[in-house]
Amino acid sequence: MSSLRRKWISDPAFKVFKKVLPPLSSTEKEAMEAGSVWWDAELFSGKPNFTTLHHYPAPTLTAEEQAFMDNELETLLDMLDDQKIVKEDRDLPPEVWEYLRKERFFSLIISKEYGGREFSALANSTIVSRIATRSISVAVSVMVPNSLGPGELLSHYGTQEQKDYWLPRLADGTDIPCFALTGPEAGSDAGGIPDQGVVCYGMYDGEEVLGVRVSWNKRYITLAPVATVLGLAFKLQDPDGLLGDKKDVGITCALIPADHDGVEIGERHDPLGSA
């Protein structure tokens, strides 16, 4: 039966979808092939060996991380009034924003070299989970800068000049980031975003420079109304070969100050009843 299904259903369907679906870009292929699997591979095999899972050593918090939980985190939790945040102010109180900056809640994944706390994934997850028991809005406000966003991307791919400038500012909350991927047409499907950037020459601060002219339309970007810098995801084109032979460069990111000419940021959406 399986051979008949493969011949008359699976193979023809595969050929149809192969013609309809767009090809993977090199960026998408690299993303799909990056990393590895853990015990989750056993889970998806349909025959998981739970004994193997139980034999993995449980992660633990460091003394520094535990002290942060017992002190700075507890102080923050005592400050939160979710009813007031969500229903009255529609934002975090100024004193909460100030405390988050002062105690470097936005720097959990940034290395100590740049003023960050450099906590483990376990500590990051535990901190966000604990905050969520008091206020989802505050938890998300802490989570976004400490997950996929400018801090993470700069740490891995930024130039030394970019790291030296941006990471200390992100660590102490001088700059609040947001990651602008989601749009009204393609949602969060990075491969389907219509936002385009074109490599070109143009005038900037009175001189001609090589740069990127970007057009985009994003929606549902967490922290956008309060962000000072955007991590913008878009597809880069180099039609004149100014960077090399590759005209369709693929998906990339740019750091754009929120007050840059041409950037328009609207008011908060309220899809989930949160600030």
Protein backbone atom coordinates (compact mmCIF):
# COMPACT_ATOMS: atom_id res chain seq x y z
CA MET A 1 0.00 0.00 0.00
CA SER A 2 2.82 2.40 0.88
CA SER A 3 4.50 1.86 -2.50
CA LEU A 4 1.24 2.63 -4.33
CA ARG A 5 0.68 5.75 -2.23
CA ARG A 6 4.21 6.92 -2.97
CA LYS A 7 3.83 6.32 -6.72
CA TRP A 8 0.36 7.78 -7.26
CA ILE A 9 0.04 10.39 -4.48
CA SER A 10 3.30 11.39 -2.77
CA ASP A 11 5.58 11.65 -5.82
CA PRO A 12 3.09 13.63 -8.00
CA ALA A 13 2.26 15.93 -5.08
CA PHE A 14 5.96 16.53 -4.40
CA LYS A 15 6.55 17.51 -8.04
CA VAL A 16 3.65 19.99 -7.96
CA PHE A 17 4.82 21.64 -4.72
CA LYS A 18 8.41 21.77 -5.99
CA LYS A 19 7.25 23.85 -8.96
CA VAL A 20 5.07 26.17 -6.86
CA LEU A 21 7.33 26.86 -3.87
CA PRO A 22 10.15 29.41 -4.26
CA PRO A 23 13.72 28.08 -4.00
CA LEU A 24 15.60 28.44 -0.74
CA SER A 25 18.04 31.31 -0.56
CA SER A 26 21.53 30.63 0.76
CA THR A 27 20.60 32.48 3.97
CA GLU A 28 17.52 30.30 4.51
CA LYS A 29 19.49 27.13 3.80
CA GLU A 30 22.19 28.11 6.30
CA ALA A 31 19.54 28.82 8.94
CA MET A 32 17.87 25.44 8.40
CA GLU A 33 21.15 23.55 8.58
CA ALA A 34 22.55 25.46 11.56
CA GLY A 35 22.79 23.88 14.98
CA SER A 36 22.06 20.32 15.97
CA VAL A 37 19.47 18.26 17.82
CA TRP A 38 19.33 17.11 21.42
CA TRP A 39 17.05 14.56 23.06
CA ASP A 40 14.20 16.09 21.05
CA ALA A 41 15.36 13.93 18.12
CA GLU A 42 14.31 10.88 20.13
CA LEU A 43 10.96 12.46 20.88
CA PHE A 44 10.20 13.01 17.20
CA SER A 45 11.37 9.50 16.32
CA GLY A 46 8.20 8.16 17.90
CA LYS A 47 10.16 5.88 20.24
CA PRO A 48 11.74 8.18 22.82
CA ASN A 49 14.07 6.69 25.40
CA PHE A 50 13.16 8.53 28.59
CA THR A 51 15.97 6.82 30.47
CA THR A 52 18.43 8.73 28.28
CA LEU A 53 16.67 11.99 29.18
CA HIS A 54 16.82 11.23 32.89
CA HIS A 55 20.57 10.63 32.68
CA TYR A 56 21.29 14.14 31.40
CA PRO A 57 22.66 16.32 34.23
CA ALA A 58 20.20 18.98 35.35
CA PRO A 59 21.39 22.56 34.73
CA THR A 60 21.97 24.72 37.78
CA LEU A 61 22.20 28.43 38.48
CA THR A 62 25.51 29.99 39.44
CA ALA A 63 25.85 31.74 42.79
CA GLU A 64 25.75 35.10 40.99
CA GLU A 65 22.57 34.16 39.13
CA GLN A 66 20.88 32.87 42.30
CA ALA A 67 21.78 36.07 44.15
CA PHE A 68 20.16 38.08 41.36
CA MET A 69 16.99 35.97 41.71
CA ASP A 70 16.90 36.48 45.46
CA ASN A 71 17.51 40.22 45.40
CA GLU A 72 17.10 42.29 42.23
CA LEU A 73 14.38 40.05 40.80
CA GLU A 74 12.38 39.94 44.04
CA THR A 75 12.56 43.73 44.29
CA LEU A 76 11.22 44.05 40.75
CA LEU A 77 8.34 41.67 41.43
CA ASP A 78 7.30 43.73 44.46
CA MET A 79 7.12 46.83 42.24
CA LEU A 80 4.67 45.38 39.69
CA ASP A 81 0.94 46.09 39.53
CA ASP A 82 -0.27 44.40 36.37
CA GLN A 83 -3.79 45.83 36.60
CA LYS A 84 -2.38 49.36 36.58
CA ILE A 85 0.14 48.55 33.83
CA VAL A 86 -2.42 46.99 31.47
CA LYS A 87 -5.69 48.78 32.22
CA GLU A 88 -4.66 52.26 33.35
CA ASP A 89 -1.19 53.28 32.17
CA ARG A 90 -0.92 51.04 29.08
CA ASP A 91 2.81 51.08 29.76
CA LEU A 92 5.34 50.20 32.42
CA PRO A 93 5.64 52.87 35.15
CA PRO A 94 8.68 55.17 34.82
CA GLU A 95 10.16 53.79 38.04
CA VAL A 96 9.99 50.23 36.65
CA TRP A 97 11.71 51.25 33.41
CA GLU A 98 14.39 52.99 35.48
CA TYR A 99 14.88 49.95 37.72
CA LEU A 100 15.16 47.60 34.74
CA ARG A 101 17.87 49.84 33.30
CA LYS A 102 19.70 50.35 36.60
CA GLU A 103 19.88 46.62 37.40
CA ARG A 104 20.72 45.69 33.80
CA PHE A 105 17.72 43.45 33.17
CA PHE A 106 18.21 44.12 29.44
CA SER A 107 21.77 42.76 29.48
CA LEU A 108 21.26 39.12 30.48
CA ILE A 109 22.84 37.79 27.26
CA ILE A 110 25.46 40.52 26.78
CA SER A 111 28.99 39.65 27.88
CA LYS A 112 30.52 41.27 30.95
CA GLU A 113 33.17 42.78 28.70
CA TYR A 114 30.50 45.21 27.48
CA GLY A 115 28.75 45.74 30.81
CA GLY A 116 26.28 42.87 30.53
CA ARG A 117 25.42 40.20 33.07
CA GLU A 118 26.25 37.29 30.74
CA PHE A 119 23.80 34.92 32.42
CA SER A 120 23.07 31.37 31.30
CA ALA A 121 20.06 30.35 29.24
CA LEU A 122 18.62 28.77 32.40
CA ALA A 123 18.89 32.04 34.32
CA ASN A 124 17.43 34.01 31.41
CA SER A 125 14.48 31.64 31.17
CA THR A 126 13.91 31.55 34.93
CA ILE A 127 13.98 35.33 35.26
CA VAL A 128 11.47 35.86 32.45
CA SER A 129 9.23 33.07 33.78
CA ARG A 130 9.19 34.56 37.28
CA ILE A 131 8.36 38.03 35.97
CA ALA A 132 5.53 36.54 33.90
CA THR A 133 3.85 35.33 37.10
CA ARG A 134 3.30 39.01 37.98
CA SER A 135 3.04 40.70 34.59
CA ILE A 136 3.22 39.31 31.07
CA SER A 137 3.85 42.82 29.73
CA VAL A 138 6.96 43.31 31.86
CA ALA A 139 8.15 39.77 31.12
CA VAL A 140 7.98 40.38 27.38
CA SER A 141 9.69 43.75 27.78
CA VAL A 142 12.62 41.95 29.41
CA MET A 143 12.50 38.92 27.15
CA VAL A 144 12.78 40.66 23.76
CA PRO A 145 16.13 42.44 24.32
CA ASN A 146 17.48 39.17 25.76
CA SER A 147 16.44 36.94 22.89
CA LEU A 148 16.68 37.37 19.13
CA GLY A 149 17.52 40.98 18.51
CA PRO A 150 20.32 43.51 18.11
CA GLY A 151 22.21 42.38 21.24
CA GLU A 152 22.42 38.75 20.15
CA LEU A 153 23.15 39.56 16.51
CA LEU A 154 25.81 42.14 17.34
CA SER A 155 27.54 39.73 19.72
CA HIS A 156 27.89 37.14 16.96
CA TYR A 157 28.14 39.16 13.76
CA GLY A 158 28.85 42.80 14.60
CA THR A 159 32.08 44.56 13.77
CA GLN A 160 34.29 45.53 16.70
CA GLU A 161 33.30 49.15 16.20
CA GLN A 162 29.60 48.23 16.36
CA LYS A 163 30.11 46.11 19.48
CA ASP A 164 32.06 48.83 21.27
CA TYR A 165 29.34 51.40 20.59
CA TRP A 166 26.07 49.49 20.80
CA LEU A 167 26.55 46.70 23.35
CA PRO A 168 27.31 48.96 26.36
CA ARG A 169 24.32 51.14 25.44
CA LEU A 170 22.05 48.09 25.17
CA ALA A 171 23.43 46.66 28.41
CA ASP A 172 22.67 49.72 30.54
CA GLY A 173 19.37 50.51 28.83
CA THR A 174 20.55 53.73 27.21
CA ASP A 175 19.10 52.20 24.05
CA ILE A 176 16.01 49.99 24.02
CA PRO A 177 15.93 47.66 21.00
CA CYS A 178 13.18 45.98 19.04
CA PHE A 179 13.47 43.37 16.30
CA ALA A 180 11.45 44.33 13.23
CA LEU A 181 10.70 41.14 11.28
CA THR A 182 6.91 40.69 11.28
CA GLY A 183 4.87 42.45 8.59
CA PRO A 184 1.23 42.65 7.49
CA GLU A 185 1.75 40.54 4.35
CA ALA A 186 4.08 37.68 5.32
CA GLY A 187 3.78 37.69 9.09
CA SER A 188 7.02 36.37 10.60
CA ASP A 189 7.95 34.23 7.58
CA ALA A 190 11.45 35.59 6.98
CA GLY A 191 11.63 34.01 3.53
CA GLY A 192 8.41 35.72 2.44
CA ILE A 193 8.97 39.27 3.65
CA PRO A 194 8.53 41.86 0.87
CA ASP A 195 10.73 44.48 2.56
CA GLN A 196 13.60 45.42 0.26
CA GLY A 197 16.96 47.12 0.56
CA VAL A 198 19.04 48.19 -2.45
CA VAL A 199 22.78 48.83 -2.31
CA CYS A 200 23.47 52.23 -3.86
CA TYR A 201 25.38 55.48 -3.59
CA GLY A 202 23.65 58.45 -2.00
CA MET A 203 24.22 61.67 -0.10
CA TYR A 204 24.53 61.44 3.70
CA ASP A 205 25.69 64.27 5.96
CA GLY A 206 26.80 66.25 2.93
CA GLU A 207 28.92 63.58 1.27
CA GLU A 208 28.37 60.73 -1.16
CA VAL A 209 28.56 57.34 0.54
CA LEU A 210 27.86 53.71 -0.29
CA GLY A 211 24.82 52.54 1.63
CA VAL A 212 21.46 50.81 1.48
CA ARG A 213 18.13 52.40 0.60
CA VAL A 214 15.46 50.43 2.47
CA SER A 215 11.68 50.37 2.14
CA TRP A 216 9.63 48.43 4.67
CA ASN A 217 6.29 48.08 6.41
CA LYS A 218 6.23 46.19 9.72
CA ARG A 219 3.52 45.37 12.24
CA TYR A 220 3.21 43.86 15.73
CA ILE A 221 6.81 44.69 16.64
CA THR A 222 7.20 44.26 20.39
CA LEU A 223 8.69 47.35 22.12
CA ALA A 224 8.53 49.41 18.90
CA PRO A 225 6.70 52.38 20.54
CA VAL A 226 9.45 52.73 23.17
CA ALA A 227 12.45 51.47 21.18
CA THR A 228 15.34 53.76 20.35
CA VAL A 229 16.93 51.42 17.80
CA LEU A 230 15.40 48.94 15.35
CA GLY A 231 16.94 45.66 14.28
CA LEU A 232 15.38 45.64 10.80
CA ALA A 233 15.12 42.42 8.77
CA PHE A 234 14.84 42.79 4.99
CA LYS A 235 15.96 41.29 1.68
CA LEU A 236 19.05 42.92 0.24
CA GLN A 237 19.55 43.46 -3.50
CA ASP A 238 22.77 44.60 -5.19
CA PRO A 239 21.68 45.17 -8.82
CA ASP A 240 24.81 47.15 -9.77
CA GLY A 241 27.26 44.72 -8.18
CA LEU A 242 28.64 47.34 -5.78
CA LEU A 243 29.42 44.71 -3.13
CA GLY A 244 30.38 41.85 -5.44
CA ASP A 245 29.00 39.52 -8.09
CA LYS A 246 25.92 38.45 -6.12
CA LYS A 247 22.88 40.55 -7.03
CA ASP A 248 20.36 38.78 -4.75
CA VAL A 249 22.25 38.96 -1.46
CA GLY A 250 19.38 37.53 0.63
CA ILE A 251 17.95 38.24 4.07
CA THR A 252 19.99 40.54 6.27
CA CYS A 253 19.56 42.96 9.16
CA ALA A 254 20.37 46.61 9.71
CA LEU A 255 20.49 48.74 12.85
CA ILE A 256 18.38 51.84 12.38
CA PRO A 257 17.89 54.54 15.04
CA ALA A 258 14.20 55.03 15.74
CA ASP A 259 14.53 58.77 15.13
CA HIS A 260 16.13 58.31 11.69
CA ASP A 261 14.55 60.31 8.87
CA GLY A 262 11.73 58.36 7.26
CA VAL A 263 11.01 56.05 10.22
CA GLU A 264 7.38 56.23 11.33
CA ILE A 265 6.29 54.30 14.43
CA GLY A 266 2.62 54.10 15.35
CA GLU A 267 0.84 53.57 18.64
CA ARG A 268 0.63 50.28 20.49
CA HIS A 269 -1.64 47.53 19.18
CA ASP A 270 -3.74 45.68 21.75
CA PRO A 271 -4.17 42.17 20.35
CA LEU A 272 -3.74 40.34 23.67
CA GLY A 273 -4.88 42.83 26.29
CA SER A 274 -1.33 43.70 27.34
CA ALA A 275 0.73 46.88 27.51
